Amino acid sequence: MVHAALWLVVVLAGAGAQYILLAAEFIAVTQLLVYVGAIMVLFLFGTMLTRAQIGREGGVDNRHKAPALLVAAVLLGTLVYVLVDAFGDDELPEDPVVVPTAAVSDSIFGEYLLPFWALSFVLLAAVIGAIVLARRD
């Protein structure tokens, strides 16, 4: 489970890198802070609470790695095809419209800031409750 959580960190960081390539630095930083930082901490807390054995266990792996690799290759090919088909030889405009970061952050977090904080407190209470219940024995 820990390996799966750590690979999820790599995947979410890769999504942040894609945002950087798309020149959306604010969204990339938000992706890294929110998903890689906050949500992965919750996953790791949950993993610690499972009381799973530490070390290698026999019989928890499967033999379906080749079909998974094939599906990943097909998805990568589809992604490349769609991006090339959609954008092709398009070029960025010479004088792009510059939007200040403050305007972007206000549009994203303006009306959702209070619910975001409330959800953060609910998740924190859930983690504390899970720790208390797991260590009660």
N, C-alpha and C. Protein backbone atom coordinates (compact mmCIF):
# COMPACT_ATOMS: atom_id res chain seq x y z
N MET A 1 0.82 -1.20 0.00
CA MET A 1 0.00 0.00 0.00
C MET A 1 0.86 1.26 0.00
N VAL A 2 1.97 1.19 0.69
CA VAL A 2 2.85 2.35 0.73
C VAL A 2 3.42 2.63 -0.66
N HIS A 3 3.79 1.57 -1.37
CA HIS A 3 4.31 1.75 -2.72
C HIS A 3 3.25 2.38 -3.63
N ALA A 4 2.01 1.94 -3.49
CA ALA A 4 0.93 2.51 -4.30
C ALA A 4 0.75 4.00 -3.98
N ALA A 5 0.82 4.35 -2.71
CA ALA A 5 0.68 5.76 -2.33
C ALA A 5 1.85 6.59 -2.86
N LEU A 6 3.04 6.03 -2.80
CA LEU A 6 4.20 6.78 -3.29
C LEU A 6 4.17 6.91 -4.81
N TRP A 7 3.71 5.88 -5.52
CA TRP A 7 3.57 6.00 -6.97
C TRP A 7 2.48 7.01 -7.33
N LEU A 8 1.46 7.12 -6.48
CA LEU A 8 0.44 8.14 -6.72
C LEU A 8 1.05 9.53 -6.59
N VAL A 9 2.00 9.71 -5.70
CA VAL A 9 2.72 10.98 -5.60
C VAL A 9 3.41 11.28 -6.93
N VAL A 10 4.04 10.27 -7.51
CA VAL A 10 4.74 10.46 -8.79
C VAL A 10 3.75 10.84 -9.89
N VAL A 11 2.60 10.18 -9.93
CA VAL A 11 1.60 10.48 -10.95
C VAL A 11 1.07 11.91 -10.79
N LEU A 12 0.76 12.30 -9.56
CA LEU A 12 0.23 13.65 -9.34
C LEU A 12 1.29 14.71 -9.61
N ALA A 13 2.54 14.41 -9.30
CA ALA A 13 3.62 15.35 -9.64
C ALA A 13 3.77 15.45 -11.16
N GLY A 14 3.56 14.34 -11.86
CA GLY A 14 3.60 14.38 -13.33
C GLY A 14 2.49 15.24 -13.90
N ALA A 15 1.32 15.20 -13.27
CA ALA A 15 0.23 16.09 -13.71
C ALA A 15 0.63 17.55 -13.49
N GLY A 16 1.30 17.83 -12.37
CA GLY A 16 1.79 19.18 -12.13
C GLY A 16 2.82 19.60 -13.17
N ALA A 17 3.67 18.66 -13.58
CA ALA A 17 4.67 18.96 -14.62
C ALA A 17 3.98 19.26 -15.95
N GLN A 18 2.88 18.58 -16.24
CA GLN A 18 2.15 18.87 -17.48
C GLN A 18 1.58 20.28 -17.45
N TYR A 19 1.12 20.72 -16.28
CA TYR A 19 0.63 22.10 -16.18
C TYR A 19 1.75 23.10 -16.41
N ILE A 20 2.96 22.78 -15.94
CA ILE A 20 4.09 23.68 -16.20
C ILE A 20 4.38 23.74 -17.69
N LEU A 21 4.32 22.60 -18.36
CA LEU A 21 4.53 22.59 -19.81
C LEU A 21 3.46 23.38 -20.55
N LEU A 22 2.27 23.44 -19.98
CA LEU A 22 1.19 24.20 -20.60
C LEU A 22 1.19 25.67 -20.18
N ALA A 23 2.26 26.10 -19.49
CA ALA A 23 2.43 27.49 -19.03
C ALA A 23 1.33 27.91 -18.06
N ALA A 24 0.89 26.98 -17.23
CA ALA A 24 -0.10 27.28 -16.19
C ALA A 24 0.57 27.05 -14.83
N GLU A 25 1.50 27.95 -14.51
CA GLU A 25 2.32 27.75 -13.31
C GLU A 25 1.50 27.78 -12.03
N PHE A 26 0.50 28.66 -11.96
CA PHE A 26 -0.31 28.75 -10.75
C PHE A 26 -1.05 27.44 -10.50
N ILE A 27 -1.62 26.87 -11.54
CA ILE A 27 -2.34 25.60 -11.38
C ILE A 27 -1.37 24.49 -11.05
N ALA A 28 -0.16 24.53 -11.60
CA ALA A 28 0.85 23.52 -11.28
C ALA A 28 1.22 23.57 -9.81
N VAL A 29 1.44 24.76 -9.28
CA VAL A 29 1.78 24.89 -7.86
C VAL A 29 0.61 24.45 -6.99
N THR A 30 -0.60 24.82 -7.40
CA THR A 30 -1.78 24.38 -6.65
C THR A 30 -1.91 22.87 -6.68
N GLN A 31 -1.66 22.27 -7.82
CA GLN A 31 -1.68 20.81 -7.95
C GLN A 31 -0.69 20.17 -7.00
N LEU A 32 0.52 20.70 -6.98
CA LEU A 32 1.55 20.11 -6.11
C LEU A 32 1.23 20.31 -4.64
N LEU A 33 0.78 21.50 -4.26
CA LEU A 33 0.51 21.76 -2.85
C LEU A 33 -0.70 20.98 -2.35
N VAL A 34 -1.78 21.03 -3.12
CA VAL A 34 -3.02 20.42 -2.65
C VAL A 34 -2.97 18.90 -2.77
N TYR A 35 -2.68 18.40 -3.97
CA TYR A 35 -2.77 16.96 -4.17
C TYR A 35 -1.57 16.22 -3.63
N VAL A 36 -0.38 16.61 -4.06
CA VAL A 36 0.80 15.88 -3.62
C VAL A 36 1.03 16.11 -2.14
N GLY A 37 0.82 17.33 -1.67
CA GLY A 37 1.07 17.62 -0.27
C GLY A 37 -0.02 17.11 0.65
N ALA A 38 -1.19 17.68 0.53
CA ALA A 38 -2.25 17.43 1.51
C ALA A 38 -2.89 16.05 1.37
N ILE A 39 -3.31 15.69 0.18
CA ILE A 39 -4.04 14.45 0.02
C ILE A 39 -3.12 13.24 0.23
N MET A 40 -1.88 13.35 -0.20
CA MET A 40 -0.97 12.22 0.01
C MET A 40 -0.66 12.03 1.49
N VAL A 41 -0.63 13.10 2.26
CA VAL A 41 -0.46 12.96 3.71
C VAL A 41 -1.64 12.17 4.29
N LEU A 42 -2.84 12.46 3.82
CA LEU A 42 -4.00 11.70 4.29
C LEU A 42 -3.92 10.24 3.89
N PHE A 43 -3.48 9.97 2.65
CA PHE A 43 -3.31 8.57 2.23
C PHE A 43 -2.28 7.86 3.09
N LEU A 44 -1.18 8.53 3.39
CA LEU A 44 -0.15 7.88 4.20
C LEU A 44 -0.63 7.66 5.63
N PHE A 45 -1.41 8.60 6.19
CA PHE A 45 -2.00 8.36 7.51
C PHE A 45 -2.92 7.14 7.47
N GLY A 46 -3.73 7.06 6.43
CA GLY A 46 -4.62 5.90 6.29
C GLY A 46 -3.84 4.61 6.15
N THR A 47 -2.73 4.66 5.43
CA THR A 47 -1.90 3.48 5.26
C THR A 47 -1.29 3.05 6.59
N MET A 48 -0.87 4.03 7.37
CA MET A 48 -0.30 3.70 8.68
C MET A 48 -1.33 3.08 9.61
N LEU A 49 -2.60 3.43 9.41
CA LEU A 49 -3.64 2.92 10.30
C LEU A 49 -4.14 1.53 9.92
N THR A 50 -3.70 0.98 8.80
CA THR A 50 -4.21 -0.32 8.38
C THR A 50 -3.62 -1.48 9.17
N ARG A 51 -2.54 -1.25 9.86
CA ARG A 51 -1.84 -2.29 10.62
C ARG A 51 -1.40 -3.44 9.73
N ALA A 52 -1.04 -3.11 8.51
CA ALA A 52 -0.54 -4.13 7.60
C ALA A 52 0.86 -4.54 8.02
N GLN A 53 1.25 -5.75 7.63
CA GLN A 53 2.59 -6.21 7.96
C GLN A 53 3.61 -5.41 7.18
N ILE A 54 4.75 -5.21 7.80
CA ILE A 54 5.84 -4.48 7.15
C ILE A 54 6.76 -5.51 6.49
N GLY A 55 7.14 -5.24 5.28
CA GLY A 55 8.00 -6.16 4.55
C GLY A 55 7.26 -6.80 3.40
N ARG A 56 7.91 -7.74 2.77
CA ARG A 56 7.31 -8.42 1.61
C ARG A 56 6.39 -9.54 2.09
N GLU A 57 5.26 -9.63 1.41
CA GLU A 57 4.31 -10.70 1.68
C GLU A 57 4.13 -11.49 0.40
N GLY A 58 4.04 -12.77 0.52
CA GLY A 58 3.80 -13.61 -0.64
C GLY A 58 2.33 -13.62 -1.00
N GLY A 59 2.05 -13.75 -2.29
CA GLY A 59 0.67 -13.90 -2.74
C GLY A 59 -0.12 -12.63 -2.87
N VAL A 60 0.51 -11.45 -2.77
CA VAL A 60 -0.25 -10.22 -2.92
C VAL A 60 -0.05 -9.58 -4.28
N ASP A 61 0.81 -10.16 -5.11
CA ASP A 61 1.05 -9.64 -6.45
C ASP A 61 0.24 -10.48 -7.45
N ASN A 62 0.03 -9.95 -8.65
CA ASN A 62 -0.67 -10.73 -9.66
C ASN A 62 0.17 -10.82 -10.92
N ARG A 63 -0.28 -11.62 -11.84
CA ARG A 63 0.48 -11.88 -13.06
C ARG A 63 -0.01 -11.04 -14.24
N HIS A 64 -0.77 -10.02 -14.02
CA HIS A 64 -1.38 -9.26 -15.10
C HIS A 64 -0.61 -7.97 -15.41
N LYS A 65 0.70 -8.03 -15.34
CA LYS A 65 1.50 -6.84 -15.62
C LYS A 65 1.58 -6.56 -17.12
N ALA A 66 1.61 -7.58 -17.94
CA ALA A 66 1.69 -7.38 -19.40
C ALA A 66 0.43 -6.70 -19.94
N PRO A 67 -0.78 -7.15 -19.57
CA PRO A 67 -1.97 -6.43 -20.05
C PRO A 67 -2.02 -4.99 -19.54
N ALA A 68 -1.54 -4.76 -18.31
CA ALA A 68 -1.53 -3.39 -17.78
C ALA A 68 -0.58 -2.52 -18.57
N LEU A 69 0.57 -3.05 -18.95
CA LEU A 69 1.53 -2.31 -19.76
C LEU A 69 0.95 -2.03 -21.15
N LEU A 70 0.22 -2.98 -21.70
CA LEU A 70 -0.42 -2.78 -23.00
C LEU A 70 -1.47 -1.67 -22.91
N VAL A 71 -2.28 -1.69 -21.88
CA VAL A 71 -3.30 -0.65 -21.70
C VAL A 71 -2.64 0.71 -21.53
N ALA A 72 -1.54 0.77 -20.75
CA ALA A 72 -0.83 2.04 -20.57
C ALA A 72 -0.28 2.55 -21.89
N ALA A 73 0.27 1.66 -22.72
CA ALA A 73 0.80 2.07 -24.02
C ALA A 73 -0.31 2.57 -24.94
N VAL A 74 -1.47 1.90 -24.91
CA VAL A 74 -2.60 2.34 -25.74
C VAL A 74 -3.09 3.71 -25.28
N LEU A 75 -3.17 3.92 -23.97
CA LEU A 75 -3.60 5.22 -23.45
C LEU A 75 -2.61 6.32 -23.80
N LEU A 76 -1.31 6.03 -23.70
CA LEU A 76 -0.30 7.01 -24.09
C LEU A 76 -0.42 7.34 -25.58
N GLY A 77 -0.59 6.33 -26.42
CA GLY A 77 -0.76 6.57 -27.85
C GLY A 77 -2.00 7.40 -28.14
N THR A 78 -3.09 7.11 -27.44
CA THR A 78 -4.32 7.87 -27.62
C THR A 78 -4.13 9.32 -27.21
N LEU A 79 -3.45 9.54 -26.08
CA LEU A 79 -3.19 10.89 -25.60
C LEU A 79 -2.35 11.68 -26.60
N VAL A 80 -1.30 11.06 -27.12
CA VAL A 80 -0.45 11.74 -28.10
C VAL A 80 -1.23 12.03 -29.37
N TYR A 81 -2.02 11.08 -29.84
CA TYR A 81 -2.81 11.29 -31.06
C TYR A 81 -3.81 12.44 -30.87
N VAL A 82 -4.51 12.45 -29.75
CA VAL A 82 -5.52 13.49 -29.52
C VAL A 82 -4.85 14.87 -29.42
N LEU A 83 -3.72 14.95 -28.73
CA LEU A 83 -3.05 16.24 -28.61
C LEU A 83 -2.52 16.74 -29.95
N VAL A 84 -1.92 15.85 -30.72
CA VAL A 84 -1.41 16.26 -32.03
C VAL A 84 -2.55 16.61 -32.97
N ASP A 85 -3.65 15.85 -32.92
CA ASP A 85 -4.80 16.12 -33.78
C ASP A 85 -5.47 17.43 -33.39
N ALA A 86 -5.55 17.70 -32.09
CA ALA A 86 -6.26 18.90 -31.63
C ALA A 86 -5.45 20.17 -31.88
N PHE A 87 -4.14 20.11 -31.64
CA PHE A 87 -3.34 21.32 -31.72
C PHE A 87 -2.47 21.38 -32.97
N GLY A 88 -2.03 20.24 -33.46
CA GLY A 88 -1.28 20.20 -34.71
C GLY A 88 -0.14 21.20 -34.77
N ASP A 89 -0.23 22.09 -35.77
CA ASP A 89 0.81 23.09 -35.97
C ASP A 89 0.44 24.45 -35.40
N ASP A 90 -0.53 24.50 -34.50
CA ASP A 90 -0.93 25.78 -33.89
C ASP A 90 0.25 26.40 -33.17
N GLU A 91 0.32 27.70 -33.22
CA GLU A 91 1.36 28.44 -32.52
C GLU A 91 0.73 29.36 -31.50
N LEU A 92 1.48 29.65 -30.48
CA LEU A 92 1.00 30.58 -29.46
C LEU A 92 0.93 31.98 -30.05
N PRO A 93 -0.02 32.79 -29.61
CA PRO A 93 -0.10 34.15 -30.14
C PRO A 93 1.13 34.97 -29.73
N GLU A 94 1.45 35.95 -30.55
CA GLU A 94 2.62 36.79 -30.27
C GLU A 94 2.42 37.62 -29.01
N ASP A 95 1.24 38.19 -28.86
CA ASP A 95 0.93 39.01 -27.68
C ASP A 95 -0.16 38.33 -26.87
N PRO A 96 0.20 37.38 -26.00
CA PRO A 96 -0.82 36.68 -25.23
C PRO A 96 -1.48 37.59 -24.20
N VAL A 97 -2.70 37.27 -23.86
CA VAL A 97 -3.41 38.01 -22.83
C VAL A 97 -2.82 37.61 -21.48
N VAL A 98 -2.39 38.59 -20.72
CA VAL A 98 -1.78 38.34 -19.43
C VAL A 98 -2.84 38.54 -18.35
N VAL A 99 -3.07 37.49 -17.58
CA VAL A 99 -4.02 37.55 -16.48
C VAL A 99 -3.22 37.45 -15.18
N PRO A 100 -3.39 38.42 -14.28
CA PRO A 100 -2.62 38.37 -13.03
C PRO A 100 -2.99 37.14 -12.19
N THR A 101 -2.02 36.66 -11.45
CA THR A 101 -2.25 35.50 -10.60
C THR A 101 -3.34 35.76 -9.57
N ALA A 102 -3.42 36.98 -9.07
CA ALA A 102 -4.45 37.32 -8.08
C ALA A 102 -5.85 37.13 -8.66
N ALA A 103 -6.04 37.49 -9.93
CA ALA A 103 -7.35 37.30 -10.56
C ALA A 103 -7.68 35.83 -10.72
N VAL A 104 -6.67 35.03 -11.07
CA VAL A 104 -6.90 33.58 -11.21
C VAL A 104 -7.24 32.97 -9.86
N SER A 105 -6.47 33.32 -8.82
CA SER A 105 -6.74 32.75 -7.50
C SER A 105 -8.09 33.20 -6.96
N ASP A 106 -8.47 34.45 -7.21
CA ASP A 106 -9.79 34.91 -6.75
C ASP A 106 -10.91 34.18 -7.47
N SER A 107 -10.72 33.90 -8.75
CA SER A 107 -11.77 33.19 -9.48
C SER A 107 -11.89 31.74 -9.02
N ILE A 108 -10.77 31.13 -8.61
CA ILE A 108 -10.82 29.74 -8.17
C ILE A 108 -11.28 29.63 -6.72
N PHE A 109 -10.66 30.41 -5.85
CA PHE A 109 -10.90 30.25 -4.42
C PHE A 109 -11.83 31.29 -3.82
N GLY A 110 -12.30 32.24 -4.60
CA GLY A 110 -13.13 33.31 -4.06
C GLY A 110 -14.35 32.81 -3.31
N GLU A 111 -15.23 32.11 -4.01
CA GLU A 111 -16.46 31.67 -3.35
C GLU A 111 -16.34 30.30 -2.71
N TYR A 112 -15.24 29.59 -2.99
CA TYR A 112 -15.08 28.25 -2.45
C TYR A 112 -14.08 28.18 -1.30
N LEU A 113 -13.57 29.30 -0.84
CA LEU A 113 -12.55 29.28 0.20
C LEU A 113 -13.12 28.77 1.53
N LEU A 114 -14.27 29.25 1.94
CA LEU A 114 -14.86 28.80 3.21
C LEU A 114 -15.22 27.32 3.17
N PRO A 115 -15.87 26.80 2.12
CA PRO A 115 -16.11 25.35 2.07
C PRO A 115 -14.82 24.54 2.05
N PHE A 116 -13.77 25.06 1.42
CA PHE A 116 -12.49 24.37 1.40
C PHE A 116 -11.92 24.26 2.80
N TRP A 117 -11.97 25.33 3.56
CA TRP A 117 -11.51 25.29 4.95
C TRP A 117 -12.35 24.33 5.79
N ALA A 118 -13.67 24.37 5.59
CA ALA A 118 -14.54 23.48 6.36
C ALA A 118 -14.22 22.02 6.06
N LEU A 119 -14.00 21.70 4.80
CA LEU A 119 -13.65 20.34 4.42
C LEU A 119 -12.30 19.94 5.02
N SER A 120 -11.37 20.88 5.08
CA SER A 120 -10.07 20.59 5.70
C SER A 120 -10.24 20.22 7.16
N PHE A 121 -11.08 20.92 7.89
CA PHE A 121 -11.31 20.60 9.29
C PHE A 121 -12.02 19.26 9.45
N VAL A 122 -12.95 18.96 8.55
CA VAL A 122 -13.63 17.66 8.61
C VAL A 122 -12.65 16.52 8.37
N LEU A 123 -11.76 16.69 7.37
CA LEU A 123 -10.75 15.66 7.10
C LEU A 123 -9.78 15.52 8.26
N LEU A 124 -9.39 16.62 8.87
CA LEU A 124 -8.50 16.56 10.03
C LEU A 124 -9.18 15.83 11.18
N ALA A 125 -10.45 16.11 11.43
CA ALA A 125 -11.18 15.41 12.48
C ALA A 125 -11.30 13.93 12.17
N ALA A 126 -11.49 13.58 10.91
CA ALA A 126 -11.58 12.17 10.53
C ALA A 126 -10.27 11.45 10.76
N VAL A 127 -9.15 12.10 10.43
CA VAL A 127 -7.84 11.47 10.66
C VAL A 127 -7.58 11.30 12.15
N ILE A 128 -7.88 12.30 12.94
CA ILE A 128 -7.68 12.19 14.39
C ILE A 128 -8.58 11.11 14.96
N GLY A 129 -9.83 11.05 14.52
CA GLY A 129 -10.73 10.00 14.98
C GLY A 129 -10.25 8.62 14.58
N ALA A 130 -9.72 8.48 13.37
CA ALA A 130 -9.21 7.18 12.94
C ALA A 130 -8.00 6.77 13.76
N ILE A 131 -7.13 7.70 14.08
CA ILE A 131 -5.96 7.39 14.90
C ILE A 131 -6.41 6.95 16.29
N VAL A 132 -7.35 7.66 16.87
CA VAL A 132 -7.84 7.31 18.21
C VAL A 132 -8.48 5.92 18.20
N LEU A 133 -9.31 5.64 17.20
CA LEU A 133 -9.98 4.34 17.14
C LEU A 133 -8.99 3.21 16.87
N ALA A 134 -7.97 3.47 16.04
CA ALA A 134 -7.01 2.42 15.72
C ALA A 134 -6.10 2.11 16.89
N ARG A 135 -5.80 3.10 17.71
CA ARG A 135 -4.87 2.89 18.83
C ARG A 135 -5.59 2.60 20.15
N ARG A 136 -6.89 2.47 20.10
CA ARG A 136 -7.67 2.24 21.32
C ARG A 136 -7.47 0.86 21.88
N ASP A 137 -7.11 -0.10 21.04
CA ASP A 137 -6.96 -1.49 21.49
C ASP A 137 -5.79 -1.67 22.40
